[in-house]
Amino acid sequence: MSLNLLHANDRRGEYPASYYAATRTPLDPFPALAGEARADVAIVGAGFMGLTAALHLAEAGLSVVVLEAHRVGFGASGRNGGQVGSGQKQDQDWLEKVVGKDHARRLWDMAEDAKALLRDLIVQHDMPVTFRSGVAHACYTDAEVVHTRTYADLLAKAYGYDQVEVLDRTAIRALIGSDRFVGGSLDRGAGHIHPLNFAIGLAKAAAGAGARIHEMSEVLELVPGPKVTLRTATGQVIADNVILAGNGYLGGLEQSYPSRVMPINNFIIATEPLGDRAKELLAEPIAVADSKFVVNYWRLSDDDRLLFGGAESYGYRFPDVLKAVRGPMLKIYPQLEDVKISHAWGGTLAITTNRMPALMRPHPNVLAGSACSGHGVALATLTGKILAQTVQGETQGFDLLATVPQMRFPGGTTLRWPLLVLAMTWYSMRDRLGL
């Protein structure tokens, strides 16, 4: 995949026909880049990461230009499940084995800072975004429940995190209204938001701080050097430093990406408003994710629609989204067979081999961050702040994330794609068979 992903499934400059786009905060378009501009820092991508970096850099007094190929929050930032999870994508017991307990503790603290930063930004900039507390983890097997209980004990004893309640079969059934699960947990310290409105809020804050945002300004070429040049169809930016924050869309722009970062597609549907039936699905306004390898995730919207996400694809074109996601939804909630689907959309995110964020320095004055691997609402926001700090010479956060071992995808540029499809197909089959 490459920059073609920017145009494979969407109309130029238009948000997808998602529930989020239909309920987004009004935002006047930012002008396309015209002619030549100069900046201390140029940022490619106006999602959570790029906009948070722009905000912090502009507040620090630097001149900032943000280049976005479509609209603010157009990519994964404006299409995701909205879940604000605790920790990193990988559990702390995995991190302790890979990087040691001290390093794992610092990564945990960083993730807690990410949740706090997100909530602080919402309040500080008076965004029309509500943070709703609670994310449940729903388990299909007794072995998964045992691991969940063990992990909750680890977080409480080793990390002082006492927000996770372990649920038995009766408790999970009462909470999420499905007979499919044998237990799980509820993390009261996690939560969920309207992601596109958060991205729009970040854009307004960054612009208010002085950042120059240009939509409809796809970067076609990056020319490294003492001054970096970014070229679009209608102009160019010459900058002392560049931050690449385009996530799964950057493969054709920076050649160091394809070996370590892989774009994949994920999908969400929204039901019609459910009214009183909504309480039968979720007794509290929480979000849920199950224990499948290809995760199903869901929550209620403010107007009591079920937003249900899942399924994955690995090619350029999206499949029939409604067909791909409605089936898994009905396995969990067969009582929704008669319910109409009002919205169905897909989006592209990026993953790494170990599902940890990828931070790189592809050139001396170019930083890149991406691939929060489905755990990016809070982490991508914090990573934007970390990249802004790194530009200013404060590298602790960058170094902490960059030192987590990152394997290259096997097969090189040519074979990595079919090998990923083969592996993900195998795991999807295991999910279907309940292995």
Protein backbone atom coordinates (compact mmCIF):
# COMPACT_ATOMS: atom_id res chain seq x y z
CA MET A 1 0.00 0.00 0.00
CA SER A 2 1.11 3.59 -0.55
CA LEU A 3 -0.27 7.05 -0.88
CA ASN A 4 -2.94 5.53 -3.16
CA LEU A 5 -4.75 4.68 0.06
CA LEU A 6 -5.62 8.35 0.30
CA HIS A 7 -7.92 7.97 -2.67
CA ALA A 8 -8.78 4.26 -2.89
CA ASN A 9 -12.00 4.35 -0.85
CA ASP A 10 -12.91 8.01 -0.38
CA ARG A 11 -13.85 11.08 -2.34
CA ARG A 12 -11.32 13.86 -2.34
CA GLY A 13 -11.78 16.20 0.59
CA GLU A 14 -14.91 14.49 1.91
CA TYR A 15 -15.35 12.70 5.20
CA PRO A 16 -16.68 9.14 4.88
CA ALA A 17 -20.39 8.66 5.41
CA SER A 18 -19.89 7.76 9.06
CA TYR A 19 -21.93 8.46 12.16
CA TYR A 20 -19.09 10.68 13.33
CA ALA A 21 -19.13 12.78 10.16
CA ALA A 22 -22.91 13.14 10.44
CA THR A 23 -22.64 14.46 14.01
CA ARG A 24 -19.38 16.41 13.78
CA THR A 25 -18.78 19.88 15.14
CA PRO A 26 -18.93 22.52 12.36
CA LEU A 27 -15.52 23.49 11.05
CA ASP A 28 -14.85 25.84 8.14
CA PRO A 29 -12.36 24.37 5.65
CA PHE A 30 -8.75 25.43 5.96
CA PRO A 31 -7.24 26.73 2.70
CA ALA A 32 -5.05 24.58 0.50
CA LEU A 33 -1.37 25.44 0.37
CA ALA A 34 -0.65 27.99 -2.35
CA GLY A 35 2.89 28.95 -3.29
CA GLU A 36 5.87 28.68 -0.98
CA ALA A 37 5.77 28.76 2.82
CA ARG A 38 8.50 28.58 5.42
CA ALA A 39 8.25 27.19 8.92
CA ASP A 40 10.26 26.07 11.88
CA VAL A 41 8.31 22.81 11.77
CA ALA A 42 6.17 21.29 9.01
CA ILE A 43 3.79 18.47 9.92
CA VAL A 44 2.31 15.94 7.50
CA GLY A 45 -1.09 14.72 8.66
CA ALA A 46 -3.87 16.46 10.62
CA GLY A 47 -4.93 13.65 12.93
CA PHE A 48 -4.50 13.33 16.69
CA MET A 49 -0.71 13.07 16.50
CA GLY A 50 -0.05 15.84 14.01
CA LEU A 51 -2.52 18.27 15.52
CA THR A 52 -1.32 17.74 19.09
CA ALA A 53 2.26 18.28 17.93
CA ALA A 54 1.18 21.45 16.11
CA LEU A 55 -0.65 22.74 19.16
CA HIS A 56 2.29 22.27 21.52
CA LEU A 57 4.83 23.66 19.07
CA ALA A 58 2.72 26.73 18.33
CA GLU A 59 2.15 27.33 22.03
CA ALA A 60 5.94 27.19 22.45
CA GLY A 61 6.30 30.02 19.92
CA LEU A 62 7.50 28.08 16.89
CA SER A 63 6.10 28.69 13.41
CA VAL A 64 4.17 25.59 12.33
CA VAL A 65 2.59 24.46 9.05
CA VAL A 66 0.33 21.39 8.92
CA LEU A 67 -0.36 19.74 5.57
CA GLU A 68 -3.40 17.46 5.29
CA ALA A 69 -4.33 15.65 2.09
CA HIS A 70 -8.08 15.77 2.78
CA ARG A 71 -9.78 17.20 5.88
CA VAL A 72 -8.81 17.48 9.53
CA GLY A 73 -9.36 14.09 11.18
CA PHE A 74 -9.95 12.45 7.80
CA GLY A 75 -7.99 9.26 8.55
CA ALA A 76 -8.05 6.86 11.48
CA SER A 77 -8.40 9.74 13.96
CA GLY A 78 -11.90 10.51 12.73
CA ARG A 79 -13.11 6.97 12.04
CA ASN A 80 -12.10 4.78 14.98
CA GLY A 81 -14.06 3.20 17.82
CA GLY A 82 -13.36 6.12 20.15
CA GLN A 83 -12.05 3.91 22.96
CA VAL A 84 -9.49 5.45 25.31
CA GLY A 85 -7.73 2.40 26.72
CA SER A 86 -5.36 2.02 29.64
CA GLY A 87 -1.75 1.03 29.15
CA GLN A 88 -0.06 0.25 25.87
CA LYS A 89 -1.48 -2.07 23.22
CA GLN A 90 0.61 -4.86 24.75
CA ASP A 91 -0.13 -5.86 28.33
CA GLN A 92 2.31 -5.02 31.09
CA ASP A 93 3.30 -8.64 31.73
CA TRP A 94 4.41 -8.88 28.08
CA LEU A 95 6.31 -5.62 28.36
CA GLU A 96 8.02 -6.73 31.57
CA LYS A 97 9.39 -9.79 29.76
CA VAL A 98 10.53 -7.83 26.71
CA VAL A 99 11.97 -4.62 28.17
CA GLY A 100 12.22 -5.28 31.92
CA LYS A 101 10.08 -4.13 34.84
CA ASP A 102 11.55 -0.63 35.15
CA HIS A 103 11.05 0.16 31.46
CA ALA A 104 7.58 -1.41 31.55
CA ARG A 105 6.67 0.80 34.50
CA ARG A 106 7.72 3.91 32.60
CA LEU A 107 5.61 2.82 29.62
CA TRP A 108 2.63 2.34 31.93
CA ASP A 109 3.09 5.79 33.43
CA MET A 110 3.34 7.23 29.92
CA ALA A 111 0.03 5.64 28.98
CA GLU A 112 -1.62 7.04 32.11
CA ASP A 113 -0.25 10.45 31.14
CA ALA A 114 -1.83 9.96 27.71
CA LYS A 115 -5.31 9.52 29.18
CA ALA A 116 -4.80 12.54 31.43
CA LEU A 117 -3.54 14.67 28.53
CA LEU A 118 -6.59 13.83 26.42
CA ARG A 119 -8.99 14.78 29.19
CA ASP A 120 -7.05 17.95 30.00
CA LEU A 121 -7.08 19.08 26.36
CA ILE A 122 -10.86 18.60 26.17
CA VAL A 123 -11.37 20.78 29.24
CA GLN A 124 -8.65 23.34 28.54
CA HIS A 125 -9.92 24.08 25.04
CA ASP A 126 -13.61 23.74 25.86
CA MET A 127 -14.19 21.06 23.26
CA PRO A 128 -17.73 19.76 22.72
CA VAL A 129 -16.48 16.27 23.57
CA THR A 130 -17.70 14.14 26.48
CA PHE A 131 -15.36 11.58 28.05
CA ARG A 132 -17.47 8.64 29.23
CA SER A 133 -15.76 6.33 31.70
CA GLY A 134 -15.57 2.57 31.46
CA VAL A 135 -14.25 -0.01 29.01
CA ALA A 136 -15.16 -3.67 29.46
CA HIS A 137 -13.14 -6.64 28.22
CA ALA A 138 -15.38 -9.60 27.33
CA CYS A 139 -13.93 -13.12 27.43
CA TYR A 140 -15.11 -16.20 25.56
CA THR A 141 -13.23 -18.86 27.59
CA ASP A 142 -12.53 -19.68 31.22
CA ALA A 143 -8.78 -19.52 30.51
CA GLU A 144 -9.16 -15.94 29.31
CA VAL A 145 -11.03 -15.02 32.49
CA VAL A 146 -8.23 -16.51 34.60
CA HIS A 147 -5.68 -14.41 32.70
CA THR A 148 -7.88 -11.33 33.12
CA ARG A 149 -8.03 -11.88 36.88
CA THR A 150 -4.26 -12.43 37.07
CA TYR A 151 -3.63 -9.31 35.04
CA ALA A 152 -5.95 -7.19 37.19
CA ASP A 153 -4.00 -8.39 40.25
CA LEU A 154 -0.72 -7.44 38.58
CA LEU A 155 -1.95 -3.93 37.80
CA ALA A 156 -3.23 -3.45 41.34
CA LYS A 157 -0.16 -4.78 43.15
CA ALA A 158 2.72 -3.74 40.88
CA TYR A 159 1.30 -0.55 39.34
CA GLY A 160 -1.12 0.72 41.97
CA TYR A 161 -3.95 0.66 39.43
CA ASP A 162 -7.16 -0.42 41.16
CA GLN A 163 -9.68 0.60 38.47
CA VAL A 164 -10.20 -2.90 37.00
CA GLU A 165 -13.12 -4.98 38.30
CA VAL A 166 -13.17 -8.67 37.32
CA LEU A 167 -16.59 -9.92 36.18
CA ASP A 168 -18.04 -13.42 36.30
CA ARG A 169 -20.57 -14.80 33.83
CA THR A 170 -23.55 -13.30 35.65
CA ALA A 171 -21.95 -9.88 35.98
CA ILE A 172 -20.83 -9.64 32.35
CA ARG A 173 -24.26 -10.77 31.17
CA ALA A 174 -25.95 -8.10 33.29
CA LEU A 175 -23.58 -5.42 32.00
CA ILE A 176 -23.50 -6.10 28.26
CA GLY A 177 -26.69 -8.06 27.61
CA SER A 178 -25.17 -11.01 25.73
CA ASP A 179 -24.93 -14.71 26.56
CA ARG A 180 -21.76 -15.17 24.50
CA PHE A 181 -19.27 -14.46 27.27
CA VAL A 182 -18.15 -16.38 30.34
CA GLY A 183 -16.64 -13.40 32.15
CA GLY A 184 -14.37 -10.43 31.73
CA SER A 185 -13.42 -7.16 33.37
CA LEU A 186 -14.42 -3.51 33.56
CA ASP A 187 -11.78 -0.77 33.59
CA ARG A 188 -13.31 2.33 35.16
CA GLY A 189 -10.16 4.35 34.41
CA ALA A 190 -10.55 3.92 30.66
CA GLY A 191 -13.31 5.47 28.57
CA HIS A 192 -14.56 6.58 25.17
CA ILE A 193 -15.17 9.76 23.15
CA HIS A 194 -16.44 11.06 19.79
CA PRO A 195 -13.07 10.87 17.99
CA LEU A 196 -13.75 13.16 15.05
CA ASN A 197 -14.99 15.95 17.30
CA PHE A 198 -11.82 15.57 19.37
CA ALA A 199 -9.71 15.93 16.20
CA ILE A 200 -11.70 19.00 15.18
CA GLY A 201 -11.23 20.42 18.67
CA LEU A 202 -7.47 19.91 18.38
CA ALA A 203 -7.45 21.65 15.00
CA LYS A 204 -9.29 24.68 16.36
CA ALA A 205 -6.91 24.83 19.33
CA ALA A 206 -3.81 24.51 17.14
CA ALA A 207 -5.04 27.17 14.71
CA GLY A 208 -5.91 29.42 17.62
CA ALA A 209 -2.34 29.05 18.90
CA GLY A 210 -0.96 30.15 15.53
CA ALA A 211 -0.42 26.95 13.57
CA ARG A 212 -1.17 27.28 9.84
CA ILE A 213 -3.29 24.33 8.72
CA HIS A 214 -3.72 23.54 5.04
CA GLU A 215 -6.32 20.98 3.99
CA MET A 216 -6.51 19.50 0.47
CA SER A 217 -2.71 19.65 0.44
CA GLU A 218 -1.39 16.16 -0.22
CA VAL A 219 2.38 15.94 0.13
CA LEU A 220 3.76 14.39 -3.05
CA GLU A 221 7.46 14.60 -2.31
CA LEU A 222 9.80 14.98 0.66
CA VAL A 223 13.25 16.33 -0.14
CA PRO A 224 15.60 15.89 2.85
CA GLY A 225 18.48 18.19 3.60
CA PRO A 226 19.55 20.89 6.06
CA LYS A 227 16.20 22.44 5.19
CA VAL A 228 13.49 19.92 4.34
CA THR A 229 11.17 20.62 1.42
CA LEU A 230 7.65 19.24 1.23
CA ARG A 231 6.02 19.57 -2.17
CA THR A 232 2.31 19.52 -2.95
CA ALA A 233 0.49 20.03 -6.24
CA THR A 234 0.03 23.73 -5.50
CA GLY A 235 3.06 24.75 -3.47
CA GLN A 236 5.86 23.76 -1.17
CA VAL A 237 6.93 24.20 2.44
CA ILE A 238 10.57 24.65 3.43
CA ALA A 239 11.12 23.79 7.09
CA ASP A 240 13.91 23.33 9.59
CA ASN A 241 12.19 20.21 10.95
CA VAL A 242 9.47 17.87 9.72
CA ILE A 243 7.12 15.56 11.62
CA LEU A 244 5.51 12.76 9.64
CA ALA A 245 2.19 11.95 11.30
CA GLY A 246 0.23 10.36 8.46
CA ASN A 247 -0.03 6.92 10.08
CA GLY A 248 -1.06 4.25 7.53
CA TYR A 249 -0.91 6.64 4.57
CA LEU A 250 2.83 7.38 4.53
CA GLY A 251 4.27 4.31 2.81
CA GLY A 252 4.81 6.02 -0.52
CA LEU A 253 6.30 9.19 0.95
CA GLU A 254 9.01 7.85 3.24
CA GLN A 255 10.75 4.63 2.20
CA SER A 256 11.83 3.62 5.71
CA TYR A 257 8.17 3.02 6.60
CA PRO A 258 7.14 -0.06 4.63
CA SER A 259 9.49 -2.49 6.39
CA ARG A 260 8.22 -1.59 9.89
CA VAL A 261 4.69 -0.22 9.50
CA MET A 262 1.79 -1.98 7.79
CA PRO A 263 -1.55 -0.35 6.91
CA ILE A 264 -4.69 -2.43 7.50
CA ASN A 265 -8.39 -1.62 7.29
CA ASN A 266 -11.07 -1.85 9.97
CA PHE A 267 -14.82 -1.22 9.87
CA ILE A 268 -17.74 0.11 11.93
CA ILE A 269 -21.51 0.19 11.58
CA ALA A 270 -24.09 2.27 13.44
CA THR A 271 -27.66 1.16 14.07
CA GLU A 272 -30.71 3.33 14.02
CA PRO A 273 -31.52 4.88 17.46
CA LEU A 274 -32.54 2.04 19.77
CA GLY A 275 -34.50 3.98 22.37
CA ASP A 276 -35.37 1.86 25.40
CA ARG A 277 -33.73 -1.19 23.82
CA ALA A 278 -30.30 0.37 24.29
CA LYS A 279 -30.29 -0.48 28.01
CA GLU A 280 -30.74 -4.14 27.10
CA LEU A 281 -27.39 -4.06 25.31
CA LEU A 282 -25.35 -1.95 27.71
CA ALA A 283 -26.61 -1.33 31.22
CA GLU A 284 -24.10 1.52 31.61
CA PRO A 285 -22.68 3.97 29.03
CA ILE A 286 -19.42 2.02 28.68
CA ALA A 287 -17.46 0.70 25.71
CA VAL A 288 -16.65 -2.98 25.18
CA ALA A 289 -13.97 -4.97 23.38
CA ASP A 290 -13.94 -8.75 23.19
CA SER A 291 -11.03 -11.19 23.33
CA LYS A 292 -10.92 -12.15 19.64
CA PHE A 293 -7.62 -11.68 17.82
CA VAL A 294 -9.55 -9.61 15.28
CA VAL A 295 -11.32 -7.63 17.98
CA ASN A 296 -15.02 -6.79 18.04
CA TYR A 297 -15.71 -3.52 19.86
CA TRP A 298 -18.84 -1.54 20.56
CA ARG A 299 -20.52 1.22 22.54
CA LEU A 300 -23.63 3.38 22.49
CA SER A 301 -23.73 6.83 20.91
CA ASP A 302 -25.26 9.81 22.67
CA ASP A 303 -28.50 9.19 20.78
CA ASP A 304 -28.55 5.47 21.73
CA ARG A 305 -27.32 3.90 18.52
CA LEU A 306 -25.07 0.87 18.80
CA LEU A 307 -21.70 1.63 17.21
CA PHE A 308 -20.20 -1.79 16.46
CA GLY A 309 -16.76 -2.30 14.95
CA GLY A 310 -14.67 -5.22 13.82
CA ALA A 311 -13.50 -7.26 10.84
CA GLU A 312 -10.32 -6.39 8.97
CA SER A 313 -9.10 -6.35 5.40
CA TYR A 314 -5.63 -6.00 3.98
CA GLY A 315 -6.05 -4.77 0.40
CA TYR A 316 -6.57 -1.37 -1.13
CA ARG A 317 -10.32 -1.59 -1.52
CA PHE A 318 -12.78 -1.93 1.34
CA PRO A 319 -15.17 -4.89 1.21
CA ASP A 320 -18.93 -4.67 1.75
CA VAL A 321 -18.69 -3.08 5.20
CA LEU A 322 -22.27 -3.79 6.22
CA LYS A 323 -21.89 -7.48 5.41
CA ALA A 324 -18.48 -7.73 7.08
CA VAL A 325 -19.58 -6.24 10.42
CA ARG A 326 -23.28 -7.03 10.78
CA GLY A 327 -22.61 -10.78 11.06
CA PRO A 328 -20.27 -10.48 14.05
CA MET A 329 -22.69 -8.02 15.69
CA LEU A 330 -25.58 -10.47 15.40
CA LYS A 331 -23.52 -13.29 16.91
CA ILE A 332 -23.20 -11.17 20.05
CA TYR A 333 -26.62 -9.50 19.85
CA PRO A 334 -28.98 -11.75 17.85
CA GLN A 335 -31.87 -9.67 19.19
CA LEU A 336 -30.82 -6.91 16.76
CA GLU A 337 -31.78 -8.92 13.68
CA ASP A 338 -34.67 -6.53 12.95
CA VAL A 339 -32.69 -3.32 13.54
CA LYS A 340 -31.78 -1.08 10.62
CA ILE A 341 -28.20 0.04 10.02
CA SER A 342 -27.90 3.79 9.44
CA HIS A 343 -24.17 4.13 8.75
CA ALA A 344 -21.36 1.83 7.64
CA TRP A 345 -17.78 2.96 7.10
CA GLY A 346 -14.20 1.80 7.02
CA GLY A 347 -10.82 3.28 7.73
CA THR A 348 -7.11 2.59 7.48
CA LEU A 349 -4.84 2.36 10.48
CA ALA A 350 -1.27 1.14 10.87
CA ILE A 351 0.25 -1.72 12.84
CA THR A 352 3.72 -2.94 13.71
CA THR A 353 4.83 -6.53 14.26
CA ASN A 354 4.58 -6.16 18.04
CA ARG A 355 1.67 -3.67 17.99
CA MET A 356 3.74 -1.01 19.77
CA PRO A 357 4.03 2.53 18.34
CA ALA A 358 6.73 3.13 15.74
CA LEU A 359 8.87 6.21 16.30
CA MET A 360 11.67 6.85 13.84
CA ARG A 361 14.22 9.40 12.65
CA PRO A 362 14.33 8.67 8.90
CA HIS A 363 16.52 11.76 8.35
CA PRO A 364 18.50 13.99 10.76
CA ASN A 365 15.76 16.64 11.02
CA VAL A 366 12.75 14.45 10.24
CA LEU A 367 10.74 12.61 12.90
CA ALA A 368 8.03 10.06 12.25
CA GLY A 369 5.40 8.56 14.53
CA SER A 370 2.66 6.08 13.72
CA ALA A 371 1.18 2.63 14.24
CA CYS A 372 -0.48 2.79 17.64
CA SER A 373 -2.16 -0.35 16.30
CA GLY A 374 -5.73 0.37 17.30
CA HIS A 375 -4.83 1.86 20.69
CA GLY A 376 -4.16 5.36 19.49
CA VAL A 377 -6.86 7.72 20.71
CA ALA A 378 -4.84 8.60 23.79
CA LEU A 379 -1.42 7.29 22.74
CA ALA A 380 -1.34 9.12 19.40
CA THR A 381 -2.30 12.30 21.20
CA LEU A 382 0.54 11.91 23.68
CA THR A 383 2.96 10.89 20.92
CA GLY A 384 2.20 14.19 19.20
CA LYS A 385 3.27 16.02 22.34
CA ILE A 386 6.38 13.82 22.58
CA LEU A 387 7.35 14.62 18.99
CA ALA A 388 6.89 18.32 19.68
CA GLN A 389 9.15 18.00 22.73
CA THR A 390 11.73 16.10 20.69
CA VAL A 391 11.92 18.87 18.10
CA GLN A 392 12.71 21.21 20.98
CA GLY A 393 15.48 18.96 22.31
CA GLU A 394 13.59 17.10 25.04
CA THR A 395 14.00 13.48 23.90
CA GLN A 396 13.14 11.32 26.93
CA GLY A 397 9.70 10.29 25.73
CA PHE A 398 10.88 9.64 22.17
CA ASP A 399 13.79 7.55 23.40
CA LEU A 400 11.57 5.54 25.74
CA LEU A 401 9.20 4.49 22.95
CA ALA A 402 11.90 4.17 20.29
CA THR A 403 13.90 1.67 22.36
CA VAL A 404 11.09 -0.92 22.43
CA PRO A 405 12.38 -3.59 20.00
CA GLN A 406 10.67 -3.35 16.61
CA MET A 407 11.04 -6.24 14.18
CA ARG A 408 10.74 -5.68 10.47
CA PHE A 409 7.85 -7.35 8.71
CA PRO A 410 9.17 -10.56 7.14
CA GLY A 411 9.44 -10.80 3.39
CA GLY A 412 10.71 -7.31 2.66
CA THR A 413 8.73 -4.83 0.59
CA THR A 414 7.66 -7.46 -1.94
CA LEU A 415 6.49 -10.34 0.26
CA ARG A 416 5.44 -8.62 3.49
CA TRP A 417 1.91 -8.08 2.22
CA PRO A 418 1.03 -11.68 1.22
CA LEU A 419 2.72 -12.97 4.38
CA LEU A 420 0.63 -10.62 6.54
CA VAL A 421 -2.55 -11.68 4.76
CA LEU A 422 -1.66 -15.34 5.32
CA ALA A 423 -0.99 -14.79 9.02
CA MET A 424 -4.09 -12.69 9.65
CA THR A 425 -6.26 -15.17 7.76
CA TRP A 426 -4.98 -17.91 10.06
CA TYR A 427 -5.82 -15.92 13.20
CA SER A 428 -9.23 -15.00 11.80
CA MET A 429 -9.93 -18.69 11.23
CA ARG A 430 -8.93 -19.44 14.82
CA ASP A 431 -11.41 -16.79 15.97
CA ARG A 432 -14.20 -18.37 13.95
CA LEU A 433 -13.39 -21.84 15.27
CA GLY A 434 -13.14 -20.60 18.84
CA LEU A 435 -9.56 -21.83 19.28
